[in-house]
Amino acid sequence: MDAGQHERVFLRWTEKREGIIAPNERLPWPQTLAVGVQHIFAMFGATVLAPILMGFDPNTAILFSGIGTLIFFVIVAGRVPSYLGSSFSFIAVVIAATAYGGSGPNANLSVALGGIIAAGALYAAIGLAVMVVGYRWIETLMPPVVTGAVVMLIGGTVSTAIFISMNDPPHSAASSTRSP
């Protein structure tokens, strides 16, 4: 930071109209609001759907994703406007570990909670490692072609489950094994 520049205070971003938007920059207000509304639709669907597919209470997921987001926002001093929501990567593991049938509360959720907490601890350890040594090792270990393929597979699996449940109402998406 130049000597002539003053320190940015919490929730202050520079408006940028073109190019890549950095963490300390934002789009003009109309575009910011449009992207914000789009983000709300995307995050709300994921934050509600993932817990339902695993047998969690969606209200609990919304509460804790909100708390986690606020903690994250304070830690990064508002520089990275991000929402921390539910992860679709846990769905298959939770369903398999708990033998969840796909409707109502998951009675065996305690079986999977230890693994979810361990994954959270691992994520925190990776975050600390990134803070200490940087992020380049992650790009080497998991290049975009790998992470993109994983995200595509998760999306394909979830969309198939939704398609099955829409076409076969008596059975849930989580318990159906029939092909569309």
Protein backbone atom coordinates (compact mmCIF):
# COMPACT_ATOMS: atom_id res chain seq x y z
CA MET A 1 0.00 0.00 0.00
CA ASP A 2 1.36 3.41 -0.95
CA ALA A 3 2.10 5.90 1.82
CA GLY A 4 -0.53 8.25 0.30
CA GLN A 5 -3.31 5.65 0.48
CA HIS A 6 -5.29 5.26 3.64
CA GLU A 7 -6.07 1.90 5.22
CA ARG A 8 -9.38 0.46 3.98
CA VAL A 9 -11.97 0.07 6.68
CA PHE A 10 -14.34 -2.85 7.13
CA LEU A 11 -16.86 -3.25 4.27
CA ARG A 12 -15.16 -0.83 1.88
CA TRP A 13 -14.61 -1.94 -1.71
CA THR A 14 -13.44 -0.06 -4.79
CA GLU A 15 -15.88 -0.10 -7.69
CA LYS A 16 -14.53 -1.78 -10.83
CA ARG A 17 -16.42 -1.86 -14.14
CA GLU A 18 -14.40 -4.37 -16.20
CA GLY A 19 -11.84 -7.14 -15.97
CA ILE A 20 -11.32 -9.50 -13.06
CA ILE A 21 -12.87 -8.31 -9.81
CA ALA A 22 -10.41 -8.67 -6.91
CA PRO A 23 -11.47 -9.28 -3.27
CA ASN A 24 -11.13 -5.56 -2.45
CA GLU A 25 -13.24 -4.52 -5.48
CA ARG A 26 -16.90 -4.73 -6.44
CA LEU A 27 -19.12 -4.33 -9.49
CA PRO A 28 -21.32 -1.22 -9.91
CA TRP A 29 -24.45 -1.41 -7.69
CA PRO A 30 -26.94 -2.66 -10.35
CA GLN A 31 -24.61 -5.52 -11.29
CA THR A 32 -23.75 -6.19 -7.64
CA LEU A 33 -27.46 -6.54 -6.80
CA ALA A 34 -28.12 -8.78 -9.83
CA VAL A 35 -25.23 -11.09 -8.94
CA GLY A 36 -26.35 -11.03 -5.30
CA VAL A 37 -29.88 -12.16 -6.20
CA GLN A 38 -28.45 -14.92 -8.41
CA HIS A 39 -26.21 -15.99 -5.53
CA ILE A 40 -29.17 -16.10 -3.14
CA PHE A 41 -31.07 -18.47 -5.45
CA ALA A 42 -28.02 -20.71 -5.86
CA MET A 43 -27.06 -20.81 -2.19
CA PHE A 44 -30.59 -21.19 -0.87
CA GLY A 45 -31.30 -24.18 -3.08
CA ALA A 46 -28.06 -25.86 -2.06
CA THR A 47 -28.39 -24.97 1.62
CA VAL A 48 -31.90 -26.42 1.77
CA LEU A 49 -31.60 -29.35 -0.67
CA ALA A 50 -28.38 -30.90 0.67
CA PRO A 51 -29.69 -31.27 4.25
CA ILE A 52 -33.02 -32.65 3.03
CA LEU A 53 -31.22 -35.29 0.93
CA MET A 54 -29.18 -36.31 4.03
CA GLY A 55 -32.06 -36.20 6.51
CA PHE A 56 -30.89 -33.07 8.37
CA ASP A 57 -33.20 -30.28 9.44
CA PRO A 58 -32.75 -27.52 6.80
CA ASN A 59 -33.39 -24.85 9.45
CA THR A 60 -30.35 -26.03 11.38
CA ALA A 61 -28.25 -25.97 8.20
CA ILE A 62 -29.37 -22.41 7.42
CA LEU A 63 -28.65 -21.26 10.99
CA PHE A 64 -25.14 -22.71 11.10
CA SER A 65 -24.24 -21.67 7.57
CA GLY A 66 -25.24 -18.14 8.58
CA ILE A 67 -23.15 -18.29 11.75
CA GLY A 68 -20.20 -19.72 9.80
CA THR A 69 -20.54 -17.03 7.14
CA LEU A 70 -20.55 -14.26 9.75
CA ILE A 71 -17.48 -15.71 11.48
CA PHE A 72 -15.70 -16.00 8.11
CA PHE A 73 -16.68 -12.45 7.17
CA VAL A 74 -15.23 -11.10 10.42
CA ILE A 75 -12.01 -13.15 10.07
CA VAL A 76 -11.36 -11.82 6.54
CA ALA A 77 -12.43 -8.31 7.60
CA GLY A 78 -15.07 -8.17 4.90
CA ARG A 79 -12.52 -8.49 2.08
CA VAL A 80 -13.99 -11.72 0.66
CA PRO A 81 -17.79 -11.60 0.38
CA SER A 82 -18.58 -15.30 0.46
CA TYR A 83 -21.39 -17.51 1.72
CA LEU A 84 -20.53 -20.75 3.51
CA GLY A 85 -23.30 -23.24 2.84
CA SER A 86 -23.97 -26.96 2.68
CA SER A 87 -21.62 -29.26 0.81
CA PHE A 88 -23.00 -31.68 -1.74
CA SER A 89 -19.81 -33.73 -1.38
CA PHE A 90 -21.13 -35.22 1.87
CA ILE A 91 -24.46 -36.47 0.52
CA ALA A 92 -23.41 -39.90 -0.78
CA VAL A 93 -21.19 -40.62 2.23
CA VAL A 94 -23.86 -39.67 4.78
CA ILE A 95 -26.54 -41.69 2.97
CA ALA A 96 -24.23 -44.74 2.74
CA ALA A 97 -22.94 -44.50 6.33
CA THR A 98 -26.40 -44.06 7.85
CA ALA A 99 -28.39 -46.28 5.45
CA TYR A 100 -30.79 -43.35 5.10
CA GLY A 101 -34.01 -44.26 3.28
CA GLY A 102 -34.62 -40.79 1.93
CA SER A 103 -37.68 -39.54 3.79
CA GLY A 104 -38.09 -37.78 7.10
CA PRO A 105 -35.38 -37.25 9.71
CA ASN A 106 -32.28 -39.44 9.50
CA ALA A 107 -32.42 -41.60 12.63
CA ASN A 108 -28.79 -42.74 12.23
CA LEU A 109 -27.27 -39.30 11.74
CA SER A 110 -24.98 -39.72 14.76
CA VAL A 111 -23.07 -42.37 12.79
CA ALA A 112 -22.02 -39.77 10.20
CA LEU A 113 -21.50 -36.76 12.47
CA GLY A 114 -18.06 -37.88 13.64
CA GLY A 115 -16.90 -38.05 10.02
CA ILE A 116 -18.38 -34.63 9.28
CA ILE A 117 -16.57 -33.14 12.29
CA ALA A 118 -13.31 -34.85 11.23
CA ALA A 119 -13.71 -33.42 7.72
CA GLY A 120 -14.23 -29.96 9.24
CA ALA A 121 -11.04 -30.35 11.29
CA LEU A 122 -9.17 -31.45 8.15
CA TYR A 123 -10.52 -28.41 6.25
CA ALA A 124 -9.30 -26.16 9.08
CA ALA A 125 -5.84 -27.81 8.99
CA ILE A 126 -5.66 -27.31 5.22
CA GLY A 127 -6.69 -23.67 5.70
CA LEU A 128 -3.88 -23.18 8.22
CA ALA A 129 -1.41 -24.85 5.84
CA VAL A 130 -2.50 -22.50 3.05
CA MET A 131 -1.99 -19.52 5.37
CA VAL A 132 1.54 -20.69 6.19
CA VAL A 133 2.87 -22.00 2.84
CA GLY A 134 0.46 -20.58 0.25
CA TYR A 135 -2.01 -22.21 -2.12
CA ARG A 136 0.13 -23.31 -5.10
CA TRP A 137 0.49 -26.86 -3.74
CA ILE A 138 -3.29 -27.29 -3.92
CA GLU A 139 -3.29 -26.32 -7.60
CA THR A 140 -0.52 -28.89 -8.18
CA LEU A 141 -2.31 -31.60 -6.19
CA MET A 142 -5.76 -30.84 -7.62
CA PRO A 143 -5.56 -28.95 -10.93
CA PRO A 144 -8.70 -27.29 -12.31
CA VAL A 145 -9.35 -30.25 -14.63
CA VAL A 146 -9.65 -32.51 -11.56
CA THR A 147 -11.74 -30.18 -9.40
CA GLY A 148 -13.96 -29.32 -12.37
CA ALA A 149 -14.59 -33.01 -13.04
CA VAL A 150 -15.47 -33.63 -9.38
CA VAL A 151 -17.94 -30.73 -9.34
CA MET A 152 -19.46 -31.98 -12.61
CA LEU A 153 -19.87 -35.51 -11.19
CA ILE A 154 -21.52 -34.19 -8.02
CA GLY A 155 -23.90 -32.06 -10.09
CA GLY A 156 -24.69 -34.97 -12.40
CA THR A 157 -25.38 -37.29 -9.48
CA VAL A 158 -27.66 -34.79 -7.75
CA SER A 159 -29.52 -33.90 -10.96
CA THR A 160 -30.05 -37.61 -11.69
CA ALA A 161 -31.44 -38.14 -8.20
CA ILE A 162 -33.80 -35.20 -8.66
CA PHE A 163 -34.92 -36.49 -12.06
CA ILE A 164 -35.63 -39.93 -10.59
CA SER A 165 -37.64 -38.49 -7.70
CA MET A 166 -39.69 -36.32 -10.05
CA ASN A 167 -40.57 -39.27 -12.28
CA ASP A 168 -41.06 -41.84 -9.53
CA PRO A 169 -42.89 -40.05 -6.65
CA PRO A 170 -43.50 -43.08 -4.38
CA HIS A 171 -39.73 -43.53 -3.93
CA SER A 172 -37.24 -40.95 -2.78
CA ALA A 173 -34.28 -39.82 -4.85
CA ALA A 174 -31.87 -41.04 -2.20
CA SER A 175 -33.21 -44.61 -2.10
CA SER A 176 -34.03 -45.17 -5.76
CA THR A 177 -31.56 -47.12 -7.86
CA ARG A 178 -33.58 -47.22 -11.06
CA SER A 179 -32.07 -45.45 -14.09
CA PRO A 180 -33.98 -42.50 -15.58
